[in-house]
Amino acid sequence: MPNKLRAGSAATNITPPLGTAMPGGFRPRYAEDIDDELLVKSLVVDNGSVRLAMVTCDLIVVTQEIVDQAKERIEERCGIAARYVMINATHTHTAVAVADLLGA
């Protein structure tokens, strides 16, 4: 399908339960309320030759291990080559830790 651009997007809620530890401070902090949901959002774009995916996670950090696992799953389930998948974290200090950050 040359000269056509297709795109699709999705989001899913990853908000943890209240009481969950939150990294990024100098003292222990725990989620006491929810102002906004934490999300994973994705955009897939296909020009007929290449399909790529951009994924952003409302987390303080996304480890290389998580990125590699996610790319593998995306390639297996969606047929998007791992080299065309970009995954990043928004670096919010009000999300859960998915890695050991300074003992958090």
N, C-alpha and C. Protein backbone atom coordinates (compact mmCIF):
# COMPACT_ATOMS: atom_id res chain seq x y z
N MET A 1 0.84 -1.18 0.00
CA MET A 1 0.00 0.00 0.00
C MET A 1 0.89 1.25 0.00
N PRO A 2 1.57 1.56 -1.10
CA PRO A 2 2.45 2.72 -1.16
C PRO A 2 1.68 4.03 -1.08
N ASN A 3 2.36 5.07 -0.62
CA ASN A 3 1.81 6.42 -0.51
C ASN A 3 0.61 6.52 0.42
N LYS A 4 0.49 5.60 1.34
CA LYS A 4 -0.57 5.69 2.34
C LYS A 4 0.08 5.58 3.71
N LEU A 5 -0.43 6.34 4.63
CA LEU A 5 0.07 6.30 6.00
C LEU A 5 -1.07 5.88 6.90
N ARG A 6 -0.84 4.83 7.66
CA ARG A 6 -1.84 4.37 8.61
C ARG A 6 -1.26 4.51 10.01
N ALA A 7 -2.12 4.82 10.97
CA ALA A 7 -1.67 4.98 12.35
C ALA A 7 -2.76 4.52 13.30
N GLY A 8 -2.34 4.04 14.44
CA GLY A 8 -3.28 3.64 15.49
C GLY A 8 -2.65 3.88 16.84
N SER A 9 -3.48 4.09 17.83
CA SER A 9 -2.96 4.35 19.17
C SER A 9 -3.78 3.58 20.20
N ALA A 10 -3.17 3.40 21.36
CA ALA A 10 -3.84 2.71 22.46
C ALA A 10 -3.22 3.18 23.77
N ALA A 11 -3.95 2.95 24.85
CA ALA A 11 -3.44 3.27 26.18
C ALA A 11 -4.01 2.26 27.16
N THR A 12 -3.24 1.98 28.20
CA THR A 12 -3.74 1.10 29.26
C THR A 12 -3.30 1.65 30.61
N ASN A 13 -4.14 1.46 31.58
CA ASN A 13 -3.92 1.97 32.93
C ASN A 13 -2.96 1.06 33.68
N ILE A 14 -1.88 1.64 34.23
CA ILE A 14 -0.93 0.88 35.05
C ILE A 14 -0.84 1.44 36.47
N THR A 15 -1.87 2.18 36.89
CA THR A 15 -1.87 2.78 38.22
C THR A 15 -1.80 1.69 39.29
N PRO A 16 -0.81 1.77 40.18
CA PRO A 16 -0.70 0.75 41.23
C PRO A 16 -1.68 1.02 42.37
N PRO A 17 -1.86 0.05 43.24
CA PRO A 17 -2.76 0.25 44.37
C PRO A 17 -2.22 1.30 45.34
N LEU A 18 -3.13 1.92 46.08
CA LEU A 18 -2.71 2.86 47.12
C LEU A 18 -1.83 2.12 48.12
N GLY A 19 -0.87 2.84 48.68
CA GLY A 19 0.06 2.24 49.63
C GLY A 19 1.35 1.75 48.99
N THR A 20 1.41 1.77 47.66
CA THR A 20 2.60 1.32 46.95
C THR A 20 3.73 2.32 47.15
N ALA A 21 4.95 1.82 47.37
CA ALA A 21 6.12 2.68 47.54
C ALA A 21 6.42 3.42 46.23
N MET A 22 6.83 4.69 46.36
CA MET A 22 7.19 5.51 45.20
C MET A 22 8.63 5.96 45.35
N PRO A 23 9.45 5.79 44.33
CA PRO A 23 10.85 6.21 44.39
C PRO A 23 10.99 7.69 44.08
N GLY A 24 12.22 8.16 44.11
CA GLY A 24 12.51 9.50 43.62
C GLY A 24 12.53 10.57 44.69
N GLY A 25 12.55 10.19 45.94
CA GLY A 25 12.64 11.18 47.00
C GLY A 25 13.77 10.83 47.95
N PHE A 26 13.95 11.67 48.94
CA PHE A 26 15.01 11.44 49.91
C PHE A 26 14.50 10.71 51.15
N ARG A 27 13.21 10.45 51.18
CA ARG A 27 12.63 9.70 52.29
C ARG A 27 11.57 8.77 51.71
N PRO A 28 11.25 7.71 52.42
CA PRO A 28 10.23 6.79 51.91
C PRO A 28 8.89 7.49 51.69
N ARG A 29 8.27 7.22 50.54
CA ARG A 29 6.96 7.78 50.23
C ARG A 29 6.07 6.66 49.71
N TYR A 30 4.79 6.79 49.99
CA TYR A 30 3.83 5.78 49.57
C TYR A 30 2.62 6.48 48.96
N ALA A 31 2.04 5.85 47.95
CA ALA A 31 0.87 6.42 47.28
C ALA A 31 -0.29 6.52 48.25
N GLU A 32 -0.77 7.75 48.47
CA GLU A 32 -1.88 7.99 49.40
C GLU A 32 -3.18 8.31 48.67
N ASP A 33 -3.06 8.81 47.45
CA ASP A 33 -4.25 9.11 46.65
C ASP A 33 -3.85 9.08 45.18
N ILE A 34 -4.83 9.21 44.31
CA ILE A 34 -4.58 9.19 42.87
C ILE A 34 -5.13 10.47 42.27
N ASP A 35 -4.22 11.31 41.75
CA ASP A 35 -4.65 12.52 41.04
C ASP A 35 -4.95 12.20 39.58
N ASP A 36 -4.05 11.48 38.95
CA ASP A 36 -4.20 11.07 37.55
C ASP A 36 -3.74 9.63 37.42
N GLU A 37 -4.38 8.89 36.54
CA GLU A 37 -3.96 7.51 36.28
C GLU A 37 -2.59 7.50 35.62
N LEU A 38 -1.81 6.48 35.94
CA LEU A 38 -0.56 6.24 35.24
C LEU A 38 -0.87 5.34 34.05
N LEU A 39 -0.30 5.67 32.90
CA LEU A 39 -0.65 4.97 31.67
C LEU A 39 0.58 4.47 30.92
N VAL A 40 0.37 3.48 30.11
CA VAL A 40 1.29 3.13 29.02
C VAL A 40 0.53 3.48 27.76
N LYS A 41 1.14 4.33 26.93
CA LYS A 41 0.50 4.77 25.69
C LYS A 41 1.36 4.36 24.50
N SER A 42 0.69 3.97 23.43
CA SER A 42 1.45 3.54 22.25
C SER A 42 0.87 4.17 20.98
N LEU A 43 1.75 4.34 20.03
CA LEU A 43 1.38 4.81 18.70
C LEU A 43 2.08 3.92 17.70
N VAL A 44 1.34 3.36 16.76
CA VAL A 44 1.91 2.54 15.69
C VAL A 44 1.64 3.26 14.38
N VAL A 45 2.69 3.39 13.58
CA VAL A 45 2.60 4.06 12.28
C VAL A 45 3.12 3.10 11.22
N ASP A 46 2.41 3.03 10.09
CA ASP A 46 2.77 2.12 9.00
C ASP A 46 2.64 2.88 7.69
N ASN A 47 3.73 2.92 6.92
CA ASN A 47 3.68 3.61 5.62
C ASN A 47 3.58 2.63 4.45
N GLY A 48 3.32 1.36 4.76
CA GLY A 48 3.24 0.34 3.72
C GLY A 48 4.53 -0.40 3.52
N SER A 49 5.64 0.21 3.93
CA SER A 49 6.95 -0.43 3.84
C SER A 49 7.50 -0.75 5.22
N VAL A 50 7.31 0.18 6.13
CA VAL A 50 7.84 0.03 7.49
C VAL A 50 6.73 0.29 8.49
N ARG A 51 6.67 -0.53 9.51
CA ARG A 51 5.74 -0.32 10.62
C ARG A 51 6.60 -0.07 11.86
N LEU A 52 6.28 1.00 12.58
CA LEU A 52 7.03 1.29 13.79
C LEU A 52 6.09 1.58 14.95
N ALA A 53 6.62 1.38 16.16
CA ALA A 53 5.83 1.60 17.37
C ALA A 53 6.59 2.48 18.33
N MET A 54 5.89 3.42 18.93
CA MET A 54 6.43 4.26 19.98
C MET A 54 5.59 4.02 21.23
N VAL A 55 6.25 3.70 22.33
CA VAL A 55 5.57 3.36 23.58
C VAL A 55 6.14 4.23 24.68
N THR A 56 5.27 4.90 25.42
CA THR A 56 5.72 5.70 26.55
C THR A 56 5.03 5.22 27.82
N CYS A 57 5.81 5.10 28.88
CA CYS A 57 5.33 4.53 30.14
C CYS A 57 5.43 5.58 31.24
N ASP A 58 4.35 5.77 31.98
CA ASP A 58 4.38 6.69 33.12
C ASP A 58 5.10 6.01 34.29
N LEU A 59 6.42 5.98 34.18
CA LEU A 59 7.30 5.37 35.19
C LEU A 59 8.51 6.27 35.37
N ILE A 60 9.23 6.08 36.48
CA ILE A 60 10.44 6.86 36.69
C ILE A 60 11.55 6.41 35.75
N VAL A 61 11.59 5.11 35.45
CA VAL A 61 12.61 4.57 34.56
C VAL A 61 12.10 3.26 33.97
N VAL A 62 12.58 2.93 32.79
CA VAL A 62 12.32 1.62 32.19
C VAL A 62 13.69 0.99 31.97
N THR A 63 13.92 -0.16 32.58
CA THR A 63 15.23 -0.81 32.47
C THR A 63 15.43 -1.41 31.08
N GLN A 64 16.68 -1.64 30.74
CA GLN A 64 16.99 -2.28 29.45
C GLN A 64 16.38 -3.67 29.37
N GLU A 65 16.35 -4.38 30.50
CA GLU A 65 15.75 -5.72 30.53
C GLU A 65 14.26 -5.65 30.17
N ILE A 66 13.56 -4.69 30.73
CA ILE A 66 12.13 -4.53 30.42
C ILE A 66 11.94 -4.14 28.96
N VAL A 67 12.77 -3.23 28.47
CA VAL A 67 12.68 -2.80 27.07
C VAL A 67 12.90 -4.00 26.14
N ASP A 68 13.93 -4.79 26.43
CA ASP A 68 14.22 -5.95 25.58
C ASP A 68 13.07 -6.95 25.59
N GLN A 69 12.51 -7.22 26.77
CA GLN A 69 11.38 -8.16 26.86
C GLN A 69 10.16 -7.62 26.11
N ALA A 70 9.89 -6.33 26.27
CA ALA A 70 8.73 -5.73 25.60
C ALA A 70 8.91 -5.77 24.08
N LYS A 71 10.10 -5.44 23.61
CA LYS A 71 10.35 -5.47 22.16
C LYS A 71 10.17 -6.88 21.60
N GLU A 72 10.64 -7.87 22.35
CA GLU A 72 10.49 -9.26 21.91
C GLU A 72 9.00 -9.64 21.80
N ARG A 73 8.22 -9.25 22.81
CA ARG A 73 6.78 -9.56 22.78
C ARG A 73 6.07 -8.82 21.66
N ILE A 74 6.43 -7.56 21.47
CA ILE A 74 5.81 -6.78 20.40
C ILE A 74 6.12 -7.39 19.04
N GLU A 75 7.36 -7.82 18.86
CA GLU A 75 7.74 -8.44 17.58
C GLU A 75 6.97 -9.75 17.37
N GLU A 76 6.88 -10.57 18.42
CA GLU A 76 6.17 -11.86 18.31
C GLU A 76 4.67 -11.67 18.07
N ARG A 77 4.06 -10.76 18.81
CA ARG A 77 2.60 -10.63 18.77
C ARG A 77 2.08 -9.68 17.70
N CYS A 78 2.89 -8.69 17.34
CA CYS A 78 2.40 -7.67 16.41
C CYS A 78 3.15 -7.65 15.08
N GLY A 79 4.25 -8.37 15.01
CA GLY A 79 5.01 -8.40 13.77
C GLY A 79 5.80 -7.14 13.49
N ILE A 80 6.03 -6.33 14.51
CA ILE A 80 6.83 -5.11 14.34
C ILE A 80 8.26 -5.44 14.77
N ALA A 81 9.20 -5.29 13.85
CA ALA A 81 10.60 -5.61 14.14
C ALA A 81 11.09 -4.80 15.33
N ALA A 82 11.83 -5.45 16.20
CA ALA A 82 12.31 -4.80 17.44
C ALA A 82 13.08 -3.51 17.14
N ARG A 83 13.79 -3.47 16.03
CA ARG A 83 14.57 -2.26 15.70
C ARG A 83 13.68 -1.06 15.40
N TYR A 84 12.37 -1.32 15.17
CA TYR A 84 11.42 -0.24 14.90
C TYR A 84 10.50 0.03 16.09
N VAL A 85 10.94 -0.36 17.28
CA VAL A 85 10.15 -0.12 18.49
C VAL A 85 10.95 0.79 19.42
N MET A 86 10.35 1.89 19.82
CA MET A 86 10.97 2.81 20.76
C MET A 86 10.14 2.81 22.05
N ILE A 87 10.81 2.62 23.18
CA ILE A 87 10.13 2.57 24.47
C ILE A 87 10.83 3.55 25.40
N ASN A 88 10.06 4.39 26.08
CA ASN A 88 10.65 5.34 27.01
C ASN A 88 9.78 5.50 28.26
N ALA A 89 10.37 6.10 29.27
CA ALA A 89 9.66 6.44 30.50
C ALA A 89 9.47 7.95 30.55
N THR A 90 8.36 8.38 31.13
CA THR A 90 8.12 9.82 31.28
C THR A 90 8.96 10.41 32.40
N HIS A 91 9.52 9.56 33.23
CA HIS A 91 10.35 9.91 34.38
C HIS A 91 9.55 10.68 35.44
N THR A 92 8.40 10.16 35.78
CA THR A 92 7.61 10.76 36.86
C THR A 92 8.08 10.20 38.20
N HIS A 93 8.16 11.06 39.18
CA HIS A 93 8.56 10.64 40.53
C HIS A 93 7.35 10.22 41.36
N THR A 94 6.21 10.07 40.73
CA THR A 94 5.01 9.64 41.45
C THR A 94 4.47 8.34 40.88
N ALA A 95 5.39 7.48 40.47
CA ALA A 95 5.02 6.16 39.94
C ALA A 95 5.81 5.10 40.69
N VAL A 96 5.44 3.87 40.48
CA VAL A 96 6.15 2.77 41.14
C VAL A 96 7.51 2.56 40.50
N ALA A 97 8.39 1.92 41.26
CA ALA A 97 9.71 1.56 40.73
C ALA A 97 9.61 0.19 40.08
N VAL A 98 10.18 0.05 38.91
CA VAL A 98 10.26 -1.26 38.26
C VAL A 98 11.70 -1.77 38.31
N ALA A 99 12.54 -1.03 39.04
CA ALA A 99 13.93 -1.41 39.25
C ALA A 99 14.36 -0.87 40.60
N ASP A 100 15.41 -1.44 41.16
CA ASP A 100 15.93 -0.97 42.43
C ASP A 100 16.66 0.35 42.21
N LEU A 101 16.07 1.43 42.66
CA LEU A 101 16.66 2.75 42.50
C LEU A 101 17.05 3.28 43.87
N LEU A 102 18.31 3.26 44.15
CA LEU A 102 18.81 3.78 45.43
C LEU A 102 18.08 3.17 46.61
N GLY A 103 17.76 1.89 46.51
CA GLY A 103 17.11 1.21 47.62
C GLY A 103 15.62 1.43 47.71
N ALA A 104 15.01 2.07 46.69
CA ALA A 104 13.57 2.35 46.73
C ALA A 104 12.77 1.11 46.42
